[in-house]
C-alpha atoms as a PDB file:
ATOM      1  CA  MET A   1      84.355  28.407  38.415  1.00  0.00           C
ATOM      2  CA  HIS A   2      83.218  25.741  35.982  1.00  0.00           C
ATOM      3  CA  ASN A   3      81.834  26.503  32.537  1.00  0.00           C
ATOM      4  CA  SER A   4      78.461  25.073  33.588  1.00  0.00           C
ATOM      5  CA  GLN A   5      78.076  28.013  35.937  1.00  0.00           C
ATOM      6  CA  LEU A   6      78.244  30.548  33.128  1.00  0.00           C
ATOM      7  CA  ASN A   7      74.618  29.990  32.169  1.00  0.00           C
ATOM      8  CA  ASN A   8      73.388  29.546  35.720  1.00  0.00           C
ATOM      9  CA  PRO A   9      70.917  32.369  36.458  1.00  0.00           C
ATOM     10  CA  SER A  10      71.758  32.160  40.172  1.00  0.00           C
ATOM     11  CA  VAL A  11      75.322  33.355  39.479  1.00  0.00           C
ATOM     12  CA  ILE A  12      75.345  37.143  39.459  1.00  0.00           C
ATOM     13  CA  ARG A  13      78.120  38.963  37.631  1.00  0.00           C
ATOM     14  CA  SER A  14      78.815  41.718  40.125  1.00  0.00           C
ATOM     15  CA  LYS A  15      82.551  41.751  40.805  1.00  0.00           C
ATOM     16  CA  THR A  16      85.314  43.913  39.390  1.00  0.00           C
ATOM     17  CA  TYR A  17      88.791  42.365  39.320  1.00  0.00           C
ATOM     18  CA  PHE A  18      92.044  44.334  39.163  1.00  0.00           C
ATOM     19  CA  ILE A  19      95.334  42.776  38.073  1.00  0.00           C
ATOM     20  CA  SER A  20      98.677  44.076  36.809  1.00  0.00           C
ATOM     21  CA  ASP A  21     102.335  43.293  36.215  1.00  0.00           C
ATOM     22  CA  MET A  22     102.045  39.792  34.822  1.00  0.00           C
ATOM     23  CA  HIS A  23     104.984  40.512  32.468  1.00  0.00           C
ATOM     24  CA  LEU A  24     103.970  37.736  30.108  1.00  0.00           C
ATOM     25  CA  GLY A  25     106.731  36.857  27.666  1.00  0.00           C
ATOM     26  CA  ALA A  26     109.597  38.062  29.866  1.00  0.00           C
ATOM     27  CA  ARG A  27     112.855  36.293  29.052  1.00  0.00           C
ATOM     28  CA  TYR A  28     113.824  36.068  32.733  1.00  0.00           C
ATOM     29  CA  ILE A  29     110.832  33.814  33.504  1.00  0.00           C
ATOM     30  CA  ASN A  30     112.090  30.218  33.462  1.00  0.00           C
ATOM     31  CA  ASP A  31     108.872  28.459  32.407  1.00  0.00           C
ATOM     32  CA  ALA A  32     106.869  30.777  30.162  1.00  0.00           C
ATOM     33  CA  ARG A  33     104.112  28.218  29.578  1.00  0.00           C
ATOM     34  CA  ALA A  34     103.567  27.629  33.301  1.00  0.00           C
ATOM     35  CA  HIS A  35     103.581  31.368  33.907  1.00  0.00           C
ATOM     36  CA  GLU A  36     100.950  31.940  31.229  1.00  0.00           C
ATOM     37  CA  LYS A  37      98.867  29.094  32.686  1.00  0.00           C
ATOM     38  CA  LEU A  38      98.980  30.735  36.113  1.00  0.00           C
ATOM     39  CA  VAL A  39      97.383  33.836  34.615  1.00  0.00           C
ATOM     40  CA  THR A  40      94.879  32.014  32.413  1.00  0.00           C
ATOM     41  CA  ASP A  41      93.811  29.817  35.343  1.00  0.00           C
ATOM     42  CA  PHE A  42      93.058  32.983  37.288  1.00  0.00           C
ATOM     43  CA  LEU A  43      91.029  34.383  34.391  1.00  0.00           C
ATOM     44  CA  GLU A  44      89.090  31.121  34.142  1.00  0.00           C
ATOM     45  CA  SER A  45      88.370  31.245  37.889  1.00  0.00           C
ATOM     46  CA  ILE A  46      86.613  34.614  37.598  1.00  0.00           C
ATOM     47  CA  ARG A  47      84.475  33.806  34.528  1.00  0.00           C
ATOM     48  CA  GLY A  48      81.345  33.098  36.526  1.00  0.00           C
ATOM     49  CA  ASP A  49      81.096  36.288  38.584  1.00  0.00           C
ATOM     50  CA  ALA A  50      83.270  38.902  36.840  1.00  0.00           C
ATOM     51  CA  ARG A  51      81.465  41.958  35.594  1.00  0.00           C
ATOM     52  CA  ARG A  52      84.667  43.835  34.833  1.00  0.00           C
ATOM     53  CA  LEU A  53      88.359  43.022  34.456  1.00  0.00           C
ATOM     54  CA  MET A  54      90.709  45.966  34.897  1.00  0.00           C
ATOM     55  CA  MET A  55      94.318  45.232  33.852  1.00  0.00           C
ATOM     56  CA  LEU A  56      96.556  48.035  35.077  1.00  0.00           C
ATOM     57  CA  GLY A  57      99.644  47.762  32.913  1.00  0.00           C
ATOM     58  CA  ASP A  58     102.734  45.632  32.302  1.00  0.00           C
ATOM     59  CA  VAL A  59     100.446  42.780  31.382  1.00  0.00           C
ATOM     60  CA  LEU A  60     103.024  41.889  28.731  1.00  0.00           C
ATOM     61  CA  ASP A  61     106.740  42.382  29.240  1.00  0.00           C
ATOM     62  CA  TYR A  62     106.977  43.740  25.695  1.00  0.00           C
ATOM     63  CA  TRP A  63     104.474  44.693  23.037  1.00  0.00           C
ATOM     64  CA  TYR A  64     104.789  46.779  19.899  1.00  0.00           C
ATOM     65  CA  GLU A  65     102.190  47.073  17.171  1.00  0.00           C
ATOM     66  CA  TYR A  66     103.294  47.772  13.636  1.00  0.00           C
ATOM     67  CA  ASP A  67     100.597  48.490  11.055  1.00  0.00           C
ATOM     68  CA  SER A  68     100.348  44.807  10.114  1.00  0.00           C
ATOM     69  CA  VAL A  69     102.652  42.968  12.549  1.00  0.00           C
ATOM     70  CA  VAL A  70     102.400  42.130  16.255  1.00  0.00           C
ATOM     71  CA  PRO A  71     104.719  39.996  18.439  1.00  0.00           C
ATOM     72  CA  ARG A  72     104.093  36.242  18.423  1.00  0.00           C
ATOM     73  CA  GLY A  73     102.972  34.349  21.524  1.00  0.00           C
ATOM     74  CA  HIS A  74     100.407  34.788  24.323  1.00  0.00           C
ATOM     75  CA  ILE A  75      97.781  32.772  22.387  1.00  0.00           C
ATOM     76  CA  ARG A  76      96.214  31.107  25.429  1.00  0.00           C
ATOM     77  CA  PHE A  77      96.087  34.398  27.308  1.00  0.00           C
ATOM     78  CA  PHE A  78      94.509  36.292  24.419  1.00  0.00           C
ATOM     79  CA  GLY A  79      92.097  33.410  23.889  1.00  0.00           C
ATOM     80  CA  LYS A  80      90.971  33.560  27.520  1.00  0.00           C
ATOM     81  CA  LEU A  81      90.447  37.322  27.247  1.00  0.00           C
ATOM     82  CA  ALA A  82      88.327  36.715  24.149  1.00  0.00           C
ATOM     83  CA  GLU A  83      86.228  34.172  26.050  1.00  0.00           C
ATOM     84  CA  LEU A  84      85.626  36.658  28.849  1.00  0.00           C
ATOM     85  CA  ALA A  85      84.724  39.397  26.382  1.00  0.00           C
ATOM     86  CA  ASP A  86      82.348  37.046  24.556  1.00  0.00           C
ATOM     87  CA  ASP A  87      80.714  36.254  27.908  1.00  0.00           C
ATOM     88  CA  GLY A  88      79.993  39.952  28.342  1.00  0.00           C
ATOM     89  CA  VAL A  89      82.793  40.871  30.752  1.00  0.00           C
ATOM     90  CA  GLU A  90      83.985  44.470  30.343  1.00  0.00           C
ATOM     91  CA  ILE A  91      87.775  44.419  29.897  1.00  0.00           C
ATOM     92  CA  MET A  92      89.997  47.469  30.283  1.00  0.00           C
ATOM     93  CA  TRP A  93      93.737  47.386  29.586  1.00  0.00           C
ATOM     94  CA  MET A  94      95.700  50.338  30.920  1.00  0.00           C
ATOM     95  CA  THR A  95      99.130  50.591  29.347  1.00  0.00           C
ATOM     96  CA  GLY A  96     102.184  50.369  31.581  1.00  0.00           C
ATOM     97  CA  ASN A  97     105.826  51.120  30.865  1.00  0.00           C
ATOM     98  CA  HIS A  98     106.374  47.681  29.274  1.00  0.00           C
ATOM     99  CA  ASP A  99     103.232  47.532  27.124  1.00  0.00           C
ATOM    100  CA  VAL A 100     103.059  51.262  26.421  1.00  0.00           C
ATOM    101  CA  TRP A 101     102.762  50.650  22.652  1.00  0.00           C
ATOM    102  CA  LEU A 102      99.430  48.876  22.871  1.00  0.00           C
ATOM    103  CA  ARG A 103      97.164  50.431  20.243  1.00  0.00           C
ATOM    104  CA  ASP A 104      94.136  49.082  18.375  1.00  0.00           C
ATOM    105  CA  TYR A 105      94.889  45.419  17.555  1.00  0.00           C
ATOM    106  CA  LEU A 106      93.423  43.845  20.705  1.00  0.00           C
ATOM    107  CA  ARG A 107      90.760  46.529  20.868  1.00  0.00           C
ATOM    108  CA  ASP A 108      89.509  45.549  17.434  1.00  0.00           C
ATOM    109  CA  GLU A 109      90.060  41.780  17.704  1.00  0.00           C
ATOM    110  CA  ILE A 110      88.735  41.192  21.229  1.00  0.00           C
ATOM    111  CA  GLY A 111      86.839  44.333  22.211  1.00  0.00           C
ATOM    112  CA  ILE A 112      89.191  45.499  24.950  1.00  0.00           C
ATOM    113  CA  THR A 113      89.125  49.149  25.994  1.00  0.00           C
ATOM    114  CA  VAL A 114      92.687  50.525  25.906  1.00  0.00           C
ATOM    115  CA  VAL A 115      93.517  53.376  28.304  1.00  0.00           C
ATOM    116  CA  THR A 116      96.719  55.399  28.521  1.00  0.00           C
ATOM    117  CA  GLY A 117      97.362  57.352  31.716  1.00  0.00           C
ATOM    118  CA  LYS A 118      95.557  57.335  35.038  1.00  0.00           C
ATOM    119  CA  MET A 119      91.792  57.100  35.045  1.00  0.00           C
ATOM    120  CA  PHE A 120      89.082  58.487  37.311  1.00  0.00           C
ATOM    121  CA  ILE A 121      86.024  56.230  37.236  1.00  0.00           C
ATOM    122  CA  THR A 122      82.823  55.589  39.175  1.00  0.00           C
ATOM    123  CA  LEU A 123      82.111  51.950  40.034  1.00  0.00           C
ATOM    124  CA  ASP A 124      78.818  51.081  41.701  1.00  0.00           C
ATOM    125  CA  GLY A 125      78.440  54.643  42.942  1.00  0.00           C
ATOM    126  CA  HIS A 126      81.988  54.901  44.387  1.00  0.00           C
ATOM    127  CA  ARG A 127      84.844  56.977  43.011  1.00  0.00           C
ATOM    128  CA  PHE A 128      88.083  55.226  42.007  1.00  0.00           C
ATOM    129  CA  LEU A 129      91.441  56.351  40.694  1.00  0.00           C
ATOM    130  CA  LEU A 130      93.144  53.685  38.578  1.00  0.00           C
ATOM    131  CA  SER A 131      96.784  53.957  37.527  1.00  0.00           C
ATOM    132  CA  HIS A 132      99.648  51.774  36.449  1.00  0.00           C
ATOM    133  CA  GLY A 133     101.489  53.560  39.230  1.00  0.00           C
ATOM    134  CA  ASP A 134     104.370  55.226  37.422  1.00  0.00           C
ATOM    135  CA  ASP A 135     102.426  58.462  36.954  1.00  0.00           C
ATOM    136  CA  ILE A 136     101.761  58.967  40.663  1.00  0.00           C
ATOM    137  CA  GLY A 137     104.679  60.431  42.582  1.00  0.00           C
ATOM    138  CA  ARG A 138     108.008  61.730  41.345  1.00  0.00           C
ATOM    139  CA  GLN A 139     110.085  59.217  39.392  1.00  0.00           C
ATOM    140  CA  PRO A 140     113.899  59.140  38.991  1.00  0.00           C
ATOM    141  CA  TRP A 141     115.179  61.347  36.164  1.00  0.00           C
ATOM    142  CA  ASN A 142     116.405  58.395  34.077  1.00  0.00           C
ATOM    143  CA  TYR A 143     112.976  56.768  34.242  1.00  0.00           C
ATOM    144  CA  ARG A 144     111.270  60.015  33.249  1.00  0.00           C
ATOM    145  CA  PHE A 145     113.629  60.343  30.275  1.00  0.00           C
ATOM    146  CA  MET A 146     113.017  56.743  29.215  1.00  0.00           C
ATOM    147  CA  LYS A 147     109.239  57.210  29.403  1.00  0.00           C
ATOM    148  CA  TRP A 148     109.508  60.428  27.378  1.00  0.00           C
ATOM    149  CA  CYS A 149     111.377  58.508  24.672  1.00  0.00           C
ATOM    150  CA  PHE A 150     108.740  55.772  24.666  1.00  0.00           C
ATOM    151  CA  LEU A 151     105.945  58.297  24.125  1.00  0.00           C
ATOM    152  CA  ASN A 152     107.751  60.645  21.769  1.00  0.00           C
ATOM    153  CA  PRO A 153     106.380  60.357  18.179  1.00  0.00           C
ATOM    154  CA  VAL A 154     109.824  60.878  16.602  1.00  0.00           C
ATOM    155  CA  CYS A 155     111.393  58.153  18.769  1.00  0.00           C
ATOM    156  CA  GLN A 156     108.513  55.837  17.956  1.00  0.00           C
ATOM    157  CA  ALA A 157     108.913  56.465  14.233  1.00  0.00           C
ATOM    158  CA  LEU A 158     112.638  55.684  14.418  1.00  0.00           C
ATOM    159  CA  TYR A 159     112.006  52.535  16.434  1.00  0.00           C
ATOM    160  CA  SER A 160     109.278  51.328  14.077  1.00  0.00           C
ATOM    161  CA  SER A 161     111.708  51.655  11.167  1.00  0.00           C
ATOM    162  CA  LEU A 162     113.655  48.706  12.593  1.00  0.00           C
ATOM    163  CA  HIS A 163     112.822  45.210  11.407  1.00  0.00           C
ATOM    164  CA  PRO A 164     110.483  43.547  13.988  1.00  0.00           C
ATOM    165  CA  ASN A 165     113.036  40.796  14.660  1.00  0.00           C
ATOM    166  CA  ILE A 166     115.624  43.415  15.610  1.00  0.00           C
ATOM    167  CA  SER A 167     113.335  45.647  17.666  1.00  0.00           C
ATOM    168  CA  HIS A 168     111.916  42.643  19.540  1.00  0.00           C
ATOM    169  CA  TRP A 169     115.404  41.324  20.352  1.00  0.00           C
ATOM    170  CA  VAL A 170     116.605  44.728  21.578  1.00  0.00           C
ATOM    171  CA  ALA A 171     113.567  45.335  23.805  1.00  0.00           C
ATOM    172  CA  THR A 172     113.346  41.872  25.380  1.00  0.00           C
ATOM    173  CA  HIS A 173     117.080  41.611  26.066  1.00  0.00           C
ATOM    174  CA  TRP A 174     117.109  45.094  27.582  1.00  0.00           C
ATOM    175  CA  SER A 175     114.196  44.189  29.859  1.00  0.00           C
ATOM    176  CA  SER A 176     115.843  40.919  30.884  1.00  0.00           C
ATOM    177  CA  HIS A 177     119.159  42.635  31.617  1.00  0.00           C
ATOM    178  CA  ASN A 178     117.490  45.313  33.740  1.00  0.00           C
ATOM    179  CA  ARG A 179     115.631  42.718  35.800  1.00  0.00           C
ATOM    180  CA  THR A 180     118.452  40.214  36.346  1.00  0.00           C
ATOM    181  CA  SER A 181     121.231  42.748  37.002  1.00  0.00           C
ATOM    182  CA  ARG A 182     119.476  44.584  39.832  1.00  0.00           C
ATOM    183  CA  ASN A 183     120.862  44.655  43.346  1.00  0.00           C
ATOM    184  CA  GLU A 184     118.154  43.511  45.780  1.00  0.00           C
ATOM    185  CA  ALA A 185     119.135  45.896  48.577  1.00  0.00           C
ATOM    186  CA  ARG A 186     119.158  48.849  46.188  1.00  0.00           C
ATOM    187  CA  GLU A 187     115.800  47.760  44.757  1.00  0.00           C
ATOM    188  CA  ARG A 188     114.234  47.645  48.226  1.00  0.00           C
ATOM    189  CA  SER A 189     115.600  51.101  49.003  1.00  0.00           C
ATOM    190  CA  LEU A 190     114.302  52.486  45.706  1.00  0.00           C
ATOM    191  CA  ALA A 191     110.877  50.894  46.234  1.00  0.00           C
ATOM    192  CA  THR A 192     110.624  52.443  49.701  1.00  0.00           C
ATOM    193  CA  SER A 193     111.543  55.845  48.292  1.00  0.00           C
ATOM    194  CA  LEU A 194     108.990  55.561  45.474  1.00  0.00           C
ATOM    195  CA  LEU A 195     106.272  54.418  47.892  1.00  0.00           C
ATOM    196  CA  ASN A 196     106.914  57.534  49.964  1.00  0.00           C
ATOM    197  CA  GLU A 197     106.741  59.704  46.837  1.00  0.00           C
ATOM    198  CA  GLN A 198     103.458  58.053  45.889  1.00  0.00           C
ATOM    199  CA  ASP A 199     101.952  58.719  49.315  1.00  0.00           C
ATOM    200  CA  ILE A 200     102.880  62.406  49.045  1.00  0.00           C
ATOM    201  CA  ALA A 201     101.216  62.565  45.618  1.00  0.00           C
ATOM    202  CA  LEU A 202      98.157  60.675  46.847  1.00  0.00           C
ATOM    203  CA  ARG A 203      97.617  63.117  49.690  1.00  0.00           C
ATOM    204  CA  GLN A 204      97.664  65.931  47.138  1.00  0.00           C
ATOM    205  CA  ILE A 205      95.227  64.015  44.922  1.00  0.00           C
ATOM    206  CA  ALA A 206      92.929  63.530  47.927  1.00  0.00           C
ATOM    207  CA  HIS A 207      93.047  67.284  48.529  1.00  0.00           C
ATOM    208  CA  ASP A 208      92.292  68.080  44.875  1.00  0.00           C
ATOM    209  CA  HIS A 209      89.716  65.281  44.440  1.00  0.00           C
ATOM    210  CA  PRO A 210      88.073  64.721  47.834  1.00  0.00           C
ATOM    211  CA  ASP A 211      85.520  62.399  46.230  1.00  0.00           C
ATOM    212  CA  ILE A 212      88.146  59.702  45.534  1.00  0.00           C
ATOM    213  CA  GLU A 213      87.585  56.776  47.905  1.00  0.00           C
ATOM    214  CA  TYR A 214      89.770  54.070  46.343  1.00  0.00           C
ATOM    215  CA  VAL A 215      93.037  53.988  44.437  1.00  0.00           C
ATOM    216  CA  VAL A 216      94.243  50.823  42.683  1.00  0.00           C
ATOM    217  CA  MET A 217      97.656  50.613  40.995  1.00  0.00           C
ATOM    218  CA  GLY A 218     100.624  48.376  40.252  1.00  0.00           C
ATOM    219  CA  HIS A 219     104.146  49.001  38.905  1.00  0.00           C
ATOM    220  CA  LEU A 220     106.247  48.710  42.077  1.00  0.00           C
ATOM    221  CA  HIS A 221     105.567  44.965  42.575  1.00  0.00           C
ATOM    222  CA  VAL A 222     104.927  45.603  46.286  1.00  0.00           C
ATOM    223  CA  PRO A 223     101.403  44.381  47.173  1.00  0.00           C
ATOM    224  CA  GLY A 224      99.593  45.965  50.087  1.00  0.00           C
ATOM    225  CA  VAL A 225      96.726  48.120  51.295  1.00  0.00           C
ATOM    226  CA  SER A 226      97.318  51.528  52.870  1.00  0.00           C
ATOM    227  CA  HIS A 227      95.447  54.668  53.897  1.00  0.00           C
ATOM    228  CA  PRO A 228      97.684  57.662  53.102  1.00  0.00           C
ATOM    229  CA  THR A 229      94.907  60.038  54.119  1.00  0.00           C
ATOM    230  CA  THR A 230      91.513  59.831  55.792  1.00  0.00           C
ATOM    231  CA  GLY A 231      88.804  58.417  53.561  1.00  0.00           C
ATOM    232  CA  MET A 232      91.171  56.984  50.900  1.00  0.00           C
ATOM    233  CA  THR A 233      92.041  53.299  50.559  1.00  0.00           C
ATOM    234  CA  VAL A 234      94.989  52.412  48.317  1.00  0.00           C
ATOM    235  CA  ALA A 235      95.478  48.882  46.960  1.00  0.00           C
ATOM    236  CA  ARG A 236      98.840  48.160  45.369  1.00  0.00           C
ATOM    237  CA  LEU A 237      98.863  45.054  43.195  1.00  0.00           C
ATOM    238  CA  GLY A 238     101.717  42.560  43.205  1.00  0.00           C
ATOM    239  CA  ALA A 239     103.665  41.185  40.260  1.00  0.00           C
ATOM    240  CA  TRP A 240     103.018  37.661  38.952  1.00  0.00           C
ATOM    241  CA  LEU A 241     106.632  36.598  38.588  1.00  0.00           C
ATOM    242  CA  HIS A 242     107.360  33.775  41.037  1.00  0.00           C
ATOM    243  CA  GLY A 243     104.444  31.399  40.721  1.00  0.00           C
ATOM    244  CA  THR A 244     102.104  33.711  42.598  1.00  0.00           C
ATOM    245  CA  GLY A 245     100.675  37.213  42.530  1.00  0.00           C
ATOM    246  CA  ALA A 246      98.120  39.491  44.102  1.00  0.00           C
ATOM    247  CA  TYR A 247      94.946  40.916  42.677  1.00  0.00           C
ATOM    248  CA  ALA A 248      92.171  43.126  44.022  1.00  0.00           C
ATOM    249  CA  VAL A 249      88.444  42.479  43.861  1.00  0.00           C
ATOM    250  CA  TRP A 250      85.602  44.952  44.310  1.00  0.00           C
ATOM    251  CA  ASP A 251      82.182  43.496  45.113  1.00  0.00           C
ATOM    252  CA  GLY A 252      80.254  46.756  44.983  1.00  0.00           C
ATOM    253  CA  GLU A 253      80.857  47.598  48.623  1.00  0.00           C
ATOM    254  CA  THR A 254      84.293  46.343  49.653  1.00  0.00           C
ATOM    255  CA  LEU A 255      87.743  46.377  48.012  1.00  0.00           C
ATOM    256  CA  ARG A 256      89.949  43.415  48.974  1.00  0.00           C
ATOM    257  CA  LEU A 257      93.520  42.474  48.075  1.00  0.00           C
ATOM    258  CA  VAL A 258      93.865  38.720  47.516  1.00  0.00           C
ATOM    259  CA  ASP A 259      96.929  36.474  47.123  1.00  0.00           C
ATOM    260  CA  SER A 260      96.552  34.353  43.994  1.00  0.00           C
ATOM    261  CA  ASP A 261      97.804  31.172  45.674  1.00  0.00           C
ATOM    262  CA  LYS A 262      95.223  31.226  48.479  1.00  0.00           C
END
């Protein structure tokens, strides 16, 4: 979508885009600039018709806001978000497990709405459940303990007492080690198990909230559309880690999952 289309009255801003798990800034990504460009090119492509942009967590591989310090980098990405916000696009950023410490910096600088935890929302008269994905279905005990530490005020206070250079090094190296040391067969088995746990939880959610028609979430890096129960469509977003990704688009009537390279 070219910039000349932004002021074209025939272009109607009616679409809602969902994206997650870009992991910008991850040390295990070989070409960080190309990776950021992949994401910013996508954001530029939706400028003409996007009414809303819903980012469902792990947008950044690491983020921590001190009172007066934030991590360096991501300038082109933040700049593109600012352009979208200035154009009138509603932007929501739901924190994931990697960018859980997102607070008020981008909210105040760009106008992004920051959300923590899953969100029930009505879009164009239809009920949606949005989630990063790690709060739907039972997680392994070590993950639950790690997430508890991340959200615990005492743990946060201790972590924030570290110099930013130290805390940034610890977090990014830990993330890189976890990603590069994983066994692929074990990861596939774990993903299958977590998908099954999510489907069990989603069936319970459908029972408790029969008005929910659509669920959109990320986290597991396994893109796909499923129907765990009658009347509910689930779109799982893919990770943007290997020169491609998957996003979902809602046009007011239909929810579609789209590969970014098509």
